[in-house]
């Protein structure tokens, strides 16, 4: 009997922690959370004013009508039920958490990992060994780069997305915009092309065609339409942001079966974004990575040997 009572109390505590981290937006609220709410309501035709991040009477009215049409509790307050209906996570959002971080954001991360069975310790809001290990295991199993750091892609996979408007003040969100260039822009163009939005050349240059494709993708997915590819766009398109350049390949080194490490992860990610690699981003150069490299080389006029030297790297990453 004592065990049952103890279990019930534990469940109550867990539920209380989750409830405590729930987000409620109402008149007087301000910030990115409100902006995302307004953008979502605007895309659905409920909100007609400027997306300014200020929860005033027009935002209240838009929420009220949305609640009425959807059969929700009609009070003009955007709580967990309303936010969930809009596809906006009601959990506290976090970004760029690491060993030594603490607070409600870490607590929300621990709760999410605990629900999936990765985190076994107490939900205490302290990012220490147990939290780091849980993040690492989750990343490994989900094909993310396993470094134990809870960045935007890890948090997005957990449902704690910066794209839903939840970010720790002071952090810098990933944003690709007009005139940007490089590997991630190329990956963005490829992802948009695969979905039928981008008709131009995959050249890694963020010009008119890329801006237009991003704008259309945002419109069709209920996002704020500004033609800028932020964390929300990249997350939906499953594009991993990276600052890797050709110089990241150790001088004179060739990657091949048996190689491992961050350079291999970069190759796998680039191949995955281009549609060649279907496996996990595990930083291990196995047969599936070799095969993906071989096909990439064959289709790009490079002598096909399945190994990544400077020529293949430059063509693949830049």
C-alpha atoms as a PDB file:
ATOM      1  CA  UNK A   1       0.000   0.000   0.000  1.00  0.00           C
ATOM      2  CA  UNK A   2       2.850   2.370   0.910  1.00  0.00           C
ATOM      3  CA  UNK A   3       4.451   1.691  -2.488  1.00  0.00           C
ATOM      4  CA  UNK A   4       1.203   2.566  -4.271  1.00  0.00           C
ATOM      5  CA  UNK A   5       0.823   5.777  -2.276  1.00  0.00           C
ATOM      6  CA  UNK A   6       4.442   6.633  -2.986  1.00  0.00           C
ATOM      7  CA  UNK A   7       3.933   6.036  -6.701  1.00  0.00           C
ATOM      8  CA  UNK A   8       0.842   8.240  -6.740  1.00  0.00           C
ATOM      9  CA  UNK A   9       2.719  11.012  -4.941  1.00  0.00           C
ATOM     10  CA  UNK A  10       5.585  10.721  -7.411  1.00  0.00           C
ATOM     11  CA  UNK A  11       3.183  11.001 -10.332  1.00  0.00           C
ATOM     12  CA  UNK A  12       1.536  14.033  -8.745  1.00  0.00           C
ATOM     13  CA  UNK A  13       4.930  15.686  -8.340  1.00  0.00           C
ATOM     14  CA  UNK A  14       5.863  14.976 -11.960  1.00  0.00           C
ATOM     15  CA  UNK A  15       2.540  16.296 -13.213  1.00  0.00           C
ATOM     16  CA  UNK A  16       2.942  19.339 -11.013  1.00  0.00           C
ATOM     17  CA  UNK A  17       6.366  20.010 -12.484  1.00  0.00           C
ATOM     18  CA  UNK A  18       4.989  19.748 -16.009  1.00  0.00           C
ATOM     19  CA  UNK A  19       2.049  22.004 -15.150  1.00  0.00           C
ATOM     20  CA  UNK A  20       4.389  24.512 -13.551  1.00  0.00           C
ATOM     21  CA  UNK A  21       6.338  24.751 -16.797  1.00  0.00           C
ATOM     22  CA  UNK A  22       3.229  25.309 -18.884  1.00  0.00           C
ATOM     23  CA  UNK A  23       3.080  28.545 -20.822  1.00  0.00           C
ATOM     24  CA  UNK A  24       0.055  30.857 -20.525  1.00  0.00           C
ATOM     25  CA  UNK A  25      -0.229  33.953 -22.711  1.00  0.00           C
ATOM     26  CA  UNK A  26      -2.744  36.653 -21.861  1.00  0.00           C
ATOM     27  CA  UNK A  27      -3.350  40.403 -22.030  1.00  0.00           C
ATOM     28  CA  UNK A  28      -0.157  42.161 -21.007  1.00  0.00           C
ATOM     29  CA  UNK A  29       2.146  39.348 -22.189  1.00  0.00           C
ATOM     30  CA  UNK A  30       4.917  40.368 -24.572  1.00  0.00           C
ATOM     31  CA  UNK A  31       7.786  38.818 -26.481  1.00  0.00           C
ATOM     32  CA  UNK A  32       8.548  36.170 -29.090  1.00  0.00           C
ATOM     33  CA  UNK A  33       5.924  33.790 -27.704  1.00  0.00           C
ATOM     34  CA  UNK A  34       3.215  36.347 -28.419  1.00  0.00           C
ATOM     35  CA  UNK A  35       4.637  37.089 -31.875  1.00  0.00           C
ATOM     36  CA  UNK A  36       4.439  33.428 -32.823  1.00  0.00           C
ATOM     37  CA  UNK A  37       0.884  33.217 -31.512  1.00  0.00           C
ATOM     38  CA  UNK A  38      -0.087  36.270 -33.560  1.00  0.00           C
ATOM     39  CA  UNK A  39       1.610  34.888 -36.675  1.00  0.00           C
ATOM     40  CA  UNK A  40      -0.237  31.604 -36.353  1.00  0.00           C
ATOM     41  CA  UNK A  41      -3.596  33.308 -35.836  1.00  0.00           C
ATOM     42  CA  UNK A  42      -2.879  35.704 -38.702  1.00  0.00           C
ATOM     43  CA  UNK A  43      -2.150  32.782 -41.056  1.00  0.00           C
ATOM     44  CA  UNK A  44      -5.509  31.287 -40.070  1.00  0.00           C
ATOM     45  CA  UNK A  45      -7.361  34.569 -40.674  1.00  0.00           C
ATOM     46  CA  UNK A  46      -8.199  35.405 -37.053  1.00  0.00           C
ATOM     47  CA  UNK A  47      -5.660  38.125 -36.364  1.00  0.00           C
ATOM     48  CA  UNK A  48      -5.658  41.181 -38.652  1.00  0.00           C
ATOM     49  CA  UNK A  49      -3.211  43.564 -36.973  1.00  0.00           C
ATOM     50  CA  UNK A  50       0.582  43.867 -36.948  1.00  0.00           C
ATOM     51  CA  UNK A  51       2.613  41.023 -35.475  1.00  0.00           C
ATOM     52  CA  UNK A  52       4.228  43.090 -32.728  1.00  0.00           C
ATOM     53  CA  UNK A  53       4.649  40.649 -29.845  1.00  0.00           C
ATOM     54  CA  UNK A  54       2.190  42.559 -27.641  1.00  0.00           C
ATOM     55  CA  UNK A  55      -0.867  40.749 -26.290  1.00  0.00           C
ATOM     56  CA  UNK A  56      -3.468  43.505 -26.531  1.00  0.00           C
ATOM     57  CA  UNK A  57      -7.190  43.611 -27.196  1.00  0.00           C
ATOM     58  CA  UNK A  58      -6.896  42.555 -30.864  1.00  0.00           C
ATOM     59  CA  UNK A  59      -4.854  39.490 -29.923  1.00  0.00           C
ATOM     60  CA  UNK A  60      -7.306  38.670 -27.136  1.00  0.00           C
ATOM     61  CA  UNK A  61     -10.204  38.945 -29.591  1.00  0.00           C
ATOM     62  CA  UNK A  62      -8.454  36.730 -32.156  1.00  0.00           C
ATOM     63  CA  UNK A  63      -7.798  34.061 -29.514  1.00  0.00           C
ATOM     64  CA  UNK A  64     -11.409  34.328 -28.310  1.00  0.00           C
ATOM     65  CA  UNK A  65     -12.852  33.715 -31.787  1.00  0.00           C
ATOM     66  CA  UNK A  66     -10.420  30.881 -32.459  1.00  0.00           C
ATOM     67  CA  UNK A  67     -11.424  29.203 -29.204  1.00  0.00           C
ATOM     68  CA  UNK A  68     -15.113  29.630 -30.021  1.00  0.00           C
ATOM     69  CA  UNK A  69     -14.714  28.111 -33.498  1.00  0.00           C
ATOM     70  CA  UNK A  70     -12.684  25.169 -32.201  1.00  0.00           C
ATOM     71  CA  UNK A  71     -14.944  24.325 -29.271  1.00  0.00           C
ATOM     72  CA  UNK A  72     -12.327  25.257 -26.674  1.00  0.00           C
ATOM     73  CA  UNK A  73     -12.804  27.108 -23.407  1.00  0.00           C
ATOM     74  CA  UNK A  74     -13.594  30.664 -24.523  1.00  0.00           C
ATOM     75  CA  UNK A  75     -11.662  33.120 -22.372  1.00  0.00           C
ATOM     76  CA  UNK A  76      -9.247  34.887 -24.740  1.00  0.00           C
ATOM     77  CA  UNK A  77      -6.301  33.403 -22.855  1.00  0.00           C
ATOM     78  CA  UNK A  78      -3.831  31.217 -24.760  1.00  0.00           C
ATOM     79  CA  UNK A  79      -3.092  28.365 -22.384  1.00  0.00           C
ATOM     80  CA  UNK A  80      -1.849  24.846 -23.056  1.00  0.00           C
ATOM     81  CA  UNK A  81      -5.083  23.673 -24.733  1.00  0.00           C
ATOM     82  CA  UNK A  82      -5.290  26.629 -27.113  1.00  0.00           C
ATOM     83  CA  UNK A  83      -1.566  26.619 -27.901  1.00  0.00           C
ATOM     84  CA  UNK A  84      -1.658  22.881 -28.493  1.00  0.00           C
ATOM     85  CA  UNK A  85      -4.600  23.259 -30.876  1.00  0.00           C
ATOM     86  CA  UNK A  86      -2.598  25.862 -32.788  1.00  0.00           C
ATOM     87  CA  UNK A  87       0.409  23.558 -33.004  1.00  0.00           C
ATOM     88  CA  UNK A  88       2.433  25.705 -30.599  1.00  0.00           C
ATOM     89  CA  UNK A  89       4.078  23.717 -27.806  1.00  0.00           C
ATOM     90  CA  UNK A  90       2.797  24.767 -24.396  1.00  0.00           C
ATOM     91  CA  UNK A  91       5.971  23.619 -22.637  1.00  0.00           C
ATOM     92  CA  UNK A  92       8.703  25.997 -21.600  1.00  0.00           C
ATOM     93  CA  UNK A  93      11.074  26.206 -24.477  1.00  0.00           C
ATOM     94  CA  UNK A  94      14.794  26.029 -24.309  1.00  0.00           C
ATOM     95  CA  UNK A  95      17.718  26.485 -26.596  1.00  0.00           C
ATOM     96  CA  UNK A  96      21.478  25.962 -26.279  1.00  0.00           C
ATOM     97  CA  UNK A  97      21.476  24.245 -22.888  1.00  0.00           C
ATOM     98  CA  UNK A  98      24.693  22.586 -21.727  1.00  0.00           C
ATOM     99  CA  UNK A  99      26.489  21.123 -18.743  1.00  0.00           C
ATOM    100  CA  UNK A 100      26.224  23.563 -15.861  1.00  0.00           C
ATOM    101  CA  UNK A 101      22.971  25.188 -17.048  1.00  0.00           C
ATOM    102  CA  UNK A 102      20.146  25.363 -14.517  1.00  0.00           C
ATOM    103  CA  UNK A 103      16.593  26.572 -14.066  1.00  0.00           C
ATOM    104  CA  UNK A 104      13.104  25.939 -15.437  1.00  0.00           C
ATOM    105  CA  UNK A 105      14.418  25.447 -18.964  1.00  0.00           C
ATOM    106  CA  UNK A 106      16.562  22.512 -17.840  1.00  0.00           C
ATOM    107  CA  UNK A 107      13.642  21.181 -15.824  1.00  0.00           C
ATOM    108  CA  UNK A 108      11.479  21.159 -18.970  1.00  0.00           C
ATOM    109  CA  UNK A 109      14.250  19.343 -20.843  1.00  0.00           C
ATOM    110  CA  UNK A 110      14.530  16.744 -18.092  1.00  0.00           C
ATOM    111  CA  UNK A 111      10.763  16.213 -18.076  1.00  0.00           C
ATOM    112  CA  UNK A 112      10.739  15.631 -21.842  1.00  0.00           C
ATOM    113  CA  UNK A 113      13.620  13.137 -21.618  1.00  0.00           C
ATOM    114  CA  UNK A 114      12.042  11.413 -18.625  1.00  0.00           C
ATOM    115  CA  UNK A 115       8.799  10.828 -20.514  1.00  0.00           C
ATOM    116  CA  UNK A 116      10.792   9.027 -23.221  1.00  0.00           C
ATOM    117  CA  UNK A 117      12.688   6.914 -20.710  1.00  0.00           C
ATOM    118  CA  UNK A 118      16.116   8.515 -21.183  1.00  0.00           C
ATOM    119  CA  UNK A 119      16.350  10.463 -17.943  1.00  0.00           C
ATOM    120  CA  UNK A 120      16.139   8.455 -14.720  1.00  0.00           C
ATOM    121  CA  UNK A 121      17.178  10.958 -12.058  1.00  0.00           C
ATOM    122  CA  UNK A 122      15.209  13.627 -10.220  1.00  0.00           C
ATOM    123  CA  UNK A 123      13.821  16.555 -12.194  1.00  0.00           C
ATOM    124  CA  UNK A 124      15.861  19.203 -10.416  1.00  0.00           C
ATOM    125  CA  UNK A 125      16.609  21.756 -13.142  1.00  0.00           C
ATOM    126  CA  UNK A 126      20.367  21.108 -12.960  1.00  0.00           C
ATOM    127  CA  UNK A 127      22.219  20.092 -16.135  1.00  0.00           C
ATOM    128  CA  UNK A 128      24.743  17.631 -14.744  1.00  0.00           C
ATOM    129  CA  UNK A 129      25.988  14.105 -15.509  1.00  0.00           C
ATOM    130  CA  UNK A 130      22.602  12.362 -15.659  1.00  0.00           C
ATOM    131  CA  UNK A 131      21.090  15.034 -17.912  1.00  0.00           C
ATOM    132  CA  UNK A 132      24.140  15.089 -20.188  1.00  0.00           C
ATOM    133  CA  UNK A 133      24.033  11.299 -20.536  1.00  0.00           C
ATOM    134  CA  UNK A 134      20.282  11.315 -21.267  1.00  0.00           C
ATOM    135  CA  UNK A 135      20.741  13.953 -23.980  1.00  0.00           C
ATOM    136  CA  UNK A 136      23.649  12.018 -25.502  1.00  0.00           C
ATOM    137  CA  UNK A 137      21.658   8.766 -25.660  1.00  0.00           C
ATOM    138  CA  UNK A 138      18.650  10.549 -27.143  1.00  0.00           C
ATOM    139  CA  UNK A 139      20.836  12.182 -29.804  1.00  0.00           C
ATOM    140  CA  UNK A 140      22.465   8.871 -30.662  1.00  0.00           C
ATOM    141  CA  UNK A 141      19.133   7.091 -31.062  1.00  0.00           C
ATOM    142  CA  UNK A 142      17.611   9.880 -33.161  1.00  0.00           C
ATOM    143  CA  UNK A 143      20.513  10.202 -35.581  1.00  0.00           C
ATOM    144  CA  UNK A 144      21.670  13.562 -34.223  1.00  0.00           C
ATOM    145  CA  UNK A 145      25.299  14.463 -33.554  1.00  0.00           C
ATOM    146  CA  UNK A 146      25.895  13.022 -30.053  1.00  0.00           C
ATOM    147  CA  UNK A 147      27.633  15.707 -28.011  1.00  0.00           C
ATOM    148  CA  UNK A 148      25.400  15.873 -24.919  1.00  0.00           C
ATOM    149  CA  UNK A 149      24.518  19.506 -25.647  1.00  0.00           C
ATOM    150  CA  UNK A 150      20.848  20.431 -25.981  1.00  0.00           C
ATOM    151  CA  UNK A 151      20.911  22.701 -29.027  1.00  0.00           C
ATOM    152  CA  UNK A 152      18.111  23.726 -31.374  1.00  0.00           C
ATOM    153  CA  UNK A 153      17.898  20.460 -33.338  1.00  0.00           C
ATOM    154  CA  UNK A 154      17.893  18.259 -30.214  1.00  0.00           C
ATOM    155  CA  UNK A 155      15.268  20.433 -28.568  1.00  0.00           C
ATOM    156  CA  UNK A 156      13.204  20.544 -31.753  1.00  0.00           C
ATOM    157  CA  UNK A 157      13.223  16.731 -31.943  1.00  0.00           C
ATOM    158  CA  UNK A 158      12.029  16.677 -28.334  1.00  0.00           C
ATOM    159  CA  UNK A 159       9.189  19.059 -29.201  1.00  0.00           C
ATOM    160  CA  UNK A 160      10.826  22.026 -27.452  1.00  0.00           C
ATOM    161  CA  UNK A 161      11.262  24.240 -30.490  1.00  0.00           C
ATOM    162  CA  UNK A 162      12.592  27.721 -30.825  1.00  0.00           C
ATOM    163  CA  UNK A 163      10.328  27.900 -33.870  1.00  0.00           C
ATOM    164  CA  UNK A 164       7.347  27.776 -31.549  1.00  0.00           C
ATOM    165  CA  UNK A 165       8.583  30.933 -29.920  1.00  0.00           C
ATOM    166  CA  UNK A 166      10.324  29.481 -26.897  1.00  0.00           C
ATOM    167  CA  UNK A 167      13.883  30.657 -26.523  1.00  0.00           C
ATOM    168  CA  UNK A 168      16.014  31.762 -23.652  1.00  0.00           C
ATOM    169  CA  UNK A 169      16.529  35.539 -23.754  1.00  0.00           C
ATOM    170  CA  UNK A 170      19.963  36.491 -24.972  1.00  0.00           C
ATOM    171  CA  UNK A 171      20.506  33.519 -27.283  1.00  0.00           C
ATOM    172  CA  UNK A 172      20.911  33.939 -31.020  1.00  0.00           C
ATOM    173  CA  UNK A 173      18.557  31.952 -33.223  1.00  0.00           C
ATOM    174  CA  UNK A 174      19.743  30.472 -36.492  1.00  0.00           C
ATOM    175  CA  UNK A 175      18.535  32.626 -39.394  1.00  0.00           C
ATOM    176  CA  UNK A 176      19.372  32.336 -43.067  1.00  0.00           C
ATOM    177  CA  UNK A 177      18.314  35.309 -45.136  1.00  0.00           C
ATOM    178  CA  UNK A 178      18.794  37.094 -48.446  1.00  0.00           C
ATOM    179  CA  UNK A 179      22.449  37.172 -49.596  1.00  0.00           C
ATOM    180  CA  UNK A 180      23.486  34.341 -47.248  1.00  0.00           C
ATOM    181  CA  UNK A 181      25.601  31.629 -48.824  1.00  0.00           C
ATOM    182  CA  UNK A 182      27.272  28.330 -48.067  1.00  0.00           C
ATOM    183  CA  UNK A 183      26.562  24.724 -47.236  1.00  0.00           C
ATOM    184  CA  UNK A 184      23.387  25.242 -45.190  1.00  0.00           C
ATOM    185  CA  UNK A 185      21.836  27.414 -47.911  1.00  0.00           C
ATOM    186  CA  UNK A 186      22.555  24.632 -50.390  1.00  0.00           C
ATOM    187  CA  UNK A 187      20.910  22.107 -48.059  1.00  0.00           C
ATOM    188  CA  UNK A 188      17.926  24.455 -47.668  1.00  0.00           C
ATOM    189  CA  UNK A 189      17.563  24.776 -51.438  1.00  0.00           C
ATOM    190  CA  UNK A 190      17.751  20.992 -51.858  1.00  0.00           C
ATOM    191  CA  UNK A 191      15.069  20.406 -49.217  1.00  0.00           C
ATOM    192  CA  UNK A 192      12.782  23.032 -50.770  1.00  0.00           C
ATOM    193  CA  UNK A 193      13.404  21.606 -54.251  1.00  0.00           C
ATOM    194  CA  UNK A 194      12.463  18.115 -53.058  1.00  0.00           C
ATOM    195  CA  UNK A 195       9.137  19.536 -51.836  1.00  0.00           C
ATOM    196  CA  UNK A 196       8.471  21.412 -55.058  1.00  0.00           C
ATOM    197  CA  UNK A 197       8.991  24.942 -53.737  1.00  0.00           C
ATOM    198  CA  UNK A 198      12.379  25.769 -55.214  1.00  0.00           C
ATOM    199  CA  UNK A 199      12.808  25.774 -59.007  1.00  0.00           C
ATOM    200  CA  UNK A 200      16.249  27.310 -59.327  1.00  0.00           C
ATOM    201  CA  UNK A 201      19.778  25.931 -59.272  1.00  0.00           C
ATOM    202  CA  UNK A 202      21.125  24.489 -56.028  1.00  0.00           C
ATOM    203  CA  UNK A 203      24.073  26.869 -55.807  1.00  0.00           C
ATOM    204  CA  UNK A 204      24.262  27.783 -52.119  1.00  0.00           C
ATOM    205  CA  UNK A 205      23.356  31.429 -52.770  1.00  0.00           C
ATOM    206  CA  UNK A 206      20.279  32.888 -51.034  1.00  0.00           C
ATOM    207  CA  UNK A 207      18.790  34.989 -53.827  1.00  0.00           C
ATOM    208  CA  UNK A 208      15.325  35.849 -55.132  1.00  0.00           C
ATOM    209  CA  UNK A 209      14.279  32.274 -55.943  1.00  0.00           C
ATOM    210  CA  UNK A 210      15.335  30.959 -52.541  1.00  0.00           C
ATOM    211  CA  UNK A 211      13.580  33.809 -50.731  1.00  0.00           C
ATOM    212  CA  UNK A 212      10.392  33.164 -52.699  1.00  0.00           C
ATOM    213  CA  UNK A 213      10.530  29.418 -52.028  1.00  0.00           C
ATOM    214  CA  UNK A 214      10.979  30.005 -48.282  1.00  0.00           C
ATOM    215  CA  UNK A 215       8.088  32.506 -48.258  1.00  0.00           C
ATOM    216  CA  UNK A 216       5.756  30.033 -49.972  1.00  0.00           C
ATOM    217  CA  UNK A 217       6.816  27.239 -47.629  1.00  0.00           C
ATOM    218  CA  UNK A 218       6.145  29.470 -44.612  1.00  0.00           C
ATOM    219  CA  UNK A 219       2.730  30.437 -45.967  1.00  0.00           C
ATOM    220  CA  UNK A 220       1.692  26.836 -46.548  1.00  0.00           C
ATOM    221  CA  UNK A 221       2.839  25.745 -43.088  1.00  0.00           C
ATOM    222  CA  UNK A 222       1.225  28.501 -41.046  1.00  0.00           C
ATOM    223  CA  UNK A 223       4.488  30.294 -40.241  1.00  0.00           C
ATOM    224  CA  UNK A 224       5.195  34.020 -40.244  1.00  0.00           C
ATOM    225  CA  UNK A 225       5.922  34.909 -43.890  1.00  0.00           C
ATOM    226  CA  UNK A 226       9.145  36.899 -44.141  1.00  0.00           C
ATOM    227  CA  UNK A 227      11.239  34.776 -46.510  1.00  0.00           C
ATOM    228  CA  UNK A 228      13.838  34.223 -43.780  1.00  0.00           C
ATOM    229  CA  UNK A 229      14.763  30.627 -42.950  1.00  0.00           C
ATOM    230  CA  UNK A 230      14.913  30.527 -39.172  1.00  0.00           C
ATOM    231  CA  UNK A 231      14.965  27.571 -36.796  1.00  0.00           C
ATOM    232  CA  UNK A 232      11.281  26.855 -37.439  1.00  0.00           C
ATOM    233  CA  UNK A 233      11.747  26.550 -41.213  1.00  0.00           C
ATOM    234  CA  UNK A 234      14.951  24.502 -40.940  1.00  0.00           C
ATOM    235  CA  UNK A 235      13.352  22.194 -38.391  1.00  0.00           C
ATOM    236  CA  UNK A 236      10.282  21.490 -40.543  1.00  0.00           C
ATOM    237  CA  UNK A 237      12.508  20.861 -43.559  1.00  0.00           C
ATOM    238  CA  UNK A 238      14.829  18.668 -41.447  1.00  0.00           C
ATOM    239  CA  UNK A 239      17.856  20.721 -42.436  1.00  0.00           C
ATOM    240  CA  UNK A 240      20.706  20.683 -39.921  1.00  0.00           C
ATOM    241  CA  UNK A 241      22.494  24.005 -39.575  1.00  0.00           C
ATOM    242  CA  UNK A 242      26.277  23.817 -39.756  1.00  0.00           C
ATOM    243  CA  UNK A 243      29.088  26.290 -40.155  1.00  0.00           C
ATOM    244  CA  UNK A 244      31.373  23.663 -41.703  1.00  0.00           C
ATOM    245  CA  UNK A 245      33.581  24.732 -44.579  1.00  0.00           C
ATOM    246  CA  UNK A 246      36.128  22.977 -46.745  1.00  0.00           C
ATOM    247  CA  UNK A 247      38.867  23.858 -44.267  1.00  0.00           C
ATOM    248  CA  UNK A 248      37.174  21.580 -41.708  1.00  0.00           C
ATOM    249  CA  UNK A 249      38.669  18.531 -43.454  1.00  0.00           C
ATOM    250  CA  UNK A 250      42.022  17.856 -41.780  1.00  0.00           C
ATOM    251  CA  UNK A 251      44.797  18.684 -44.221  1.00  0.00           C
ATOM    252  CA  UNK A 252      45.878  15.763 -46.363  1.00  0.00           C
ATOM    253  CA  UNK A 253      43.442  13.366 -44.691  1.00  0.00           C
ATOM    254  CA  UNK A 254      41.099  11.077 -46.608  1.00  0.00           C
ATOM    255  CA  UNK A 255      37.905   9.817 -44.968  1.00  0.00           C
ATOM    256  CA  UNK A 256      37.059   6.198 -45.673  1.00  0.00           C
ATOM    257  CA  UNK A 257      35.535   3.087 -44.087  1.00  0.00           C
ATOM    258  CA  UNK A 258      36.684   2.988 -40.472  1.00  0.00           C
ATOM    259  CA  UNK A 259      37.027   6.760 -40.079  1.00  0.00           C
ATOM    260  CA  UNK A 260      35.029   8.471 -37.339  1.00  0.00           C
ATOM    261  CA  UNK A 261      34.489  11.871 -35.756  1.00  0.00           C
ATOM    262  CA  UNK A 262      32.994  15.252 -36.537  1.00  0.00           C
ATOM    263  CA  UNK A 263      34.283  15.342 -40.131  1.00  0.00           C
ATOM    264  CA  UNK A 264      32.424  12.085 -40.858  1.00  0.00           C
ATOM    265  CA  UNK A 265      29.284  13.514 -39.270  1.00  0.00           C
ATOM    266  CA  UNK A 266      29.553  16.573 -41.535  1.00  0.00           C
ATOM    267  CA  UNK A 267      29.836  14.322 -44.596  1.00  0.00           C
ATOM    268  CA  UNK A 268      26.848  12.211 -43.521  1.00  0.00           C
ATOM    269  CA  UNK A 269      24.771  15.304 -42.852  1.00  0.00           C
ATOM    270  CA  UNK A 270      25.649  16.833 -46.229  1.00  0.00           C
ATOM    271  CA  UNK A 271      24.815  13.577 -48.012  1.00  0.00           C
ATOM    272  CA  UNK A 272      21.538  13.258 -46.098  1.00  0.00           C
ATOM    273  CA  UNK A 273      20.516  16.799 -46.994  1.00  0.00           C
ATOM    274  CA  UNK A 274      21.197  15.986 -50.647  1.00  0.00           C
ATOM    275  CA  UNK A 275      19.207  12.743 -50.507  1.00  0.00           C
ATOM    276  CA  UNK A 276      22.097  10.285 -50.842  1.00  0.00           C
ATOM    277  CA  UNK A 277      22.437   9.056 -47.270  1.00  0.00           C
ATOM    278  CA  UNK A 278      19.553   7.392 -45.405  1.00  0.00           C
ATOM    279  CA  UNK A 279      21.311   6.146 -42.288  1.00  0.00           C
ATOM    280  CA  UNK A 280      21.899   7.625 -38.847  1.00  0.00           C
ATOM    281  CA  UNK A 281      24.226  10.569 -38.266  1.00  0.00           C
ATOM    282  CA  UNK A 282      26.490   8.490 -36.064  1.00  0.00           C
ATOM    283  CA  UNK A 283      29.905   9.883 -37.093  1.00  0.00           C
ATOM    284  CA  UNK A 284      30.996   6.363 -38.140  1.00  0.00           C
ATOM    285  CA  UNK A 285      32.148   5.825 -41.731  1.00  0.00           C
ATOM    286  CA  UNK A 286      30.518   2.475 -42.516  1.00  0.00           C
ATOM    287  CA  UNK A 287      29.301   0.778 -45.682  1.00  0.00           C
ATOM    288  CA  UNK A 288      26.187   2.935 -46.018  1.00  0.00           C
ATOM    289  CA  UNK A 289      28.288   6.121 -45.861  1.00  0.00           C
ATOM    290  CA  UNK A 290      30.743   4.692 -48.385  1.00  0.00           C
ATOM    291  CA  UNK A 291      27.900   3.825 -50.764  1.00  0.00           C
ATOM    292  CA  UNK A 292      26.339   7.295 -50.438  1.00  0.00           C
ATOM    293  CA  UNK A 293      29.695   8.923 -51.176  1.00  0.00           C
ATOM    294  CA  UNK A 294      30.197   6.655 -54.200  1.00  0.00           C
ATOM    295  CA  UNK A 295      26.833   7.649 -55.722  1.00  0.00           C
ATOM    296  CA  UNK A 296      27.463  11.331 -55.004  1.00  0.00           C
ATOM    297  CA  UNK A 297      30.835  11.110 -56.744  1.00  0.00           C
ATOM    298  CA  UNK A 298      29.355   9.240 -59.707  1.00  0.00           C
ATOM    299  CA  UNK A 299      26.616  11.857 -60.185  1.00  0.00           C
ATOM    300  CA  UNK A 300      28.987  14.810 -59.866  1.00  0.00           C
ATOM    301  CA  UNK A 301      31.775  13.822 -62.223  1.00  0.00           C
ATOM    302  CA  UNK A 302      34.244  12.809 -59.506  1.00  0.00           C
ATOM    303  CA  UNK A 303      36.226   9.535 -59.759  1.00  0.00           C
ATOM    304  CA  UNK A 304      34.016   7.191 -57.746  1.00  0.00           C
ATOM    305  CA  UNK A 305      35.925   5.383 -55.013  1.00  0.00           C
ATOM    306  CA  UNK A 306      33.656   5.953 -52.015  1.00  0.00           C
ATOM    307  CA  UNK A 307      36.351   7.920 -50.185  1.00  0.00           C
ATOM    308  CA  UNK A 308      36.198  11.587 -49.202  1.00  0.00           C
ATOM    309  CA  UNK A 309      39.299  13.518 -50.179  1.00  0.00           C
ATOM    310  CA  UNK A 310      39.651  17.262 -50.732  1.00  0.00           C
ATOM    311  CA  UNK A 311      37.921  17.218 -54.149  1.00  0.00           C
ATOM    312  CA  UNK A 312      34.862  15.321 -52.896  1.00  0.00           C
ATOM    313  CA  UNK A 313      34.746  17.400 -49.695  1.00  0.00           C
ATOM    314  CA  UNK A 314      34.860  20.710 -51.558  1.00  0.00           C
ATOM    315  CA  UNK A 315      32.107  19.638 -53.937  1.00  0.00           C
ATOM    316  CA  UNK A 316      29.943  18.208 -51.165  1.00  0.00           C
ATOM    317  CA  UNK A 317      30.298  20.814 -48.438  1.00  0.00           C
ATOM    318  CA  UNK A 318      30.624  24.111 -50.303  1.00  0.00           C
END
